Amino acid sequence: MEELRRWVLAAGALVLALLILAVLVRAVLGPRPADRMTAVKMASTLGIGELVLLSLRLEEDFLVDIALVMALLSFLVVVVASRLMPRRRAEQPDTAGGKRRD
């Protein structure tokens, strides 16, 4: 039973690592800043999942605490970035030379 548990945790960690790579590709290639921000947020969420799986594999409780702190910081980053994005978008000039009004 222990061997099955280790195999499932290793498979889950591998799947999450592949998903993190795919999301980081989207973060680099994303056409808009909002797409990039969403991809980075998703990579952070997947990284938190990796920490939880590592905590289960190593049987270390402090890794869950680190994952919780990382989740809180990630939330704060998204809140601050979402407050700044509309301002940056409003400051971009329109193609006709004036300010954009959406």
Protein backbone atom coordinates (compact mmCIF):
# COMPACT_ATOMS: atom_id res chain seq x y z
CA MET A 1 0.00 0.00 0.00
CA GLU A 2 2.88 2.35 0.80
CA GLU A 3 4.37 1.70 -2.64
CA LEU A 4 1.09 2.65 -4.34
CA ARG A 5 0.93 5.87 -2.29
CA ARG A 6 4.48 6.81 -3.32
CA TRP A 7 3.72 6.06 -6.97
CA VAL A 8 0.53 8.16 -6.97
CA LEU A 9 2.31 11.10 -5.29
CA ALA A 10 5.19 10.89 -7.79
CA ALA A 11 2.79 10.74 -10.74
CA GLY A 12 0.84 13.71 -9.40
CA ALA A 13 4.02 15.71 -8.92
CA LEU A 14 5.12 14.92 -12.48
CA VAL A 15 1.75 15.98 -13.92
CA LEU A 16 1.83 19.25 -11.96
CA ALA A 17 5.41 19.93 -13.11
CA LEU A 18 4.39 19.44 -16.76
CA LEU A 19 1.40 21.73 -16.27
CA ILE A 20 3.65 24.40 -14.73
CA LEU A 21 5.88 24.26 -17.81
CA ALA A 22 2.89 24.58 -20.13
CA VAL A 23 1.53 27.54 -18.18
CA LEU A 24 4.92 29.28 -18.19
CA VAL A 25 5.02 28.94 -21.97
CA ARG A 26 1.65 30.73 -22.06
CA ALA A 27 3.04 33.41 -19.74
CA VAL A 28 5.87 34.10 -22.18
CA LEU A 29 3.78 33.92 -25.36
CA GLY A 30 0.58 35.50 -24.01
CA PRO A 31 -0.74 38.20 -26.32
CA ARG A 32 -2.04 40.50 -23.56
CA PRO A 33 -0.80 41.44 -20.08
CA ALA A 34 -3.96 39.98 -18.55
CA ASP A 35 -3.19 36.61 -20.15
CA ARG A 36 0.32 36.73 -18.77
CA MET A 37 -0.88 37.64 -15.28
CA THR A 38 -3.40 34.80 -15.34
CA ALA A 39 -0.72 32.34 -16.45
CA VAL A 40 1.67 33.40 -13.70
CA LYS A 41 -1.13 33.11 -11.12
CA MET A 42 -1.90 29.62 -12.39
CA ALA A 43 1.78 28.65 -12.17
CA SER A 44 1.79 29.87 -8.58
CA THR A 45 -1.29 27.79 -7.78
CA LEU A 46 0.28 24.70 -9.34
CA GLY A 47 3.46 25.37 -7.35
CA ILE A 48 1.40 25.42 -4.18
CA GLY A 49 -0.01 22.04 -5.17
CA GLU A 50 3.54 20.75 -5.69
CA LEU A 51 4.47 21.90 -2.18
CA VAL A 52 1.49 20.08 -0.70
CA LEU A 53 2.39 16.88 -2.58
CA LEU A 54 5.98 17.21 -1.39
CA SER A 55 4.69 17.66 2.15
CA LEU A 56 2.73 14.43 1.87
CA ARG A 57 5.66 12.57 0.33
CA LEU A 58 8.21 13.71 2.93
CA GLU A 59 5.70 13.78 5.80
CA GLU A 60 6.81 17.30 6.78
CA ASP A 61 4.04 19.58 8.04
CA PHE A 62 5.97 22.84 7.71
CA LEU A 63 5.73 22.63 3.90
CA VAL A 64 1.96 23.07 4.16
CA ASP A 65 2.55 26.25 6.17
CA ILE A 66 4.86 27.52 3.44
CA ALA A 67 2.21 26.68 0.83
CA LEU A 68 -0.40 28.65 2.78
CA VAL A 69 1.85 31.70 3.05
CA MET A 70 2.62 31.44 -0.67
CA ALA A 71 -1.13 31.32 -1.43
CA LEU A 72 -1.77 34.45 0.65
CA LEU A 73 1.08 36.33 -1.02
CA SER A 74 -0.13 35.22 -4.44
CA PHE A 75 -3.59 36.56 -3.66
CA LEU A 76 -2.18 39.92 -2.60
CA VAL A 77 -0.10 40.16 -5.77
CA VAL A 78 -3.17 39.56 -7.92
CA VAL A 79 -5.16 42.20 -6.02
CA VAL A 80 -2.42 44.81 -6.42
CA ALA A 81 -1.81 43.94 -10.07
CA SER A 82 -5.51 44.10 -10.89
CA ARG A 83 -5.70 47.54 -9.29
CA LEU A 84 -2.76 48.76 -11.40
CA MET A 85 -3.77 47.24 -14.76
CA PRO A 86 -6.74 49.54 -15.51
CA ARG A 87 -4.55 52.57 -14.80
CA ARG A 88 -1.85 51.41 -17.18
CA ARG A 89 -4.44 50.63 -19.86
CA ALA A 90 -6.02 54.09 -19.55
CA GLU A 91 -2.61 55.74 -19.94
CA GLN A 92 -1.88 54.01 -23.26
CA PRO A 93 -2.47 56.34 -26.21
CA ASP A 94 -5.07 55.50 -28.79
CA THR A 95 -4.01 54.97 -32.42
CA ALA A 96 -5.64 58.31 -33.31
CA GLY A 97 -3.33 60.12 -30.88
CA GLY A 98 -5.74 60.64 -27.99
CA LYS A 99 -6.25 58.71 -24.82
CA ARG A 100 -8.13 55.42 -24.95
CA ARG A 101 -11.65 55.39 -23.56
CA ASP A 102 -13.04 51.93 -22.99
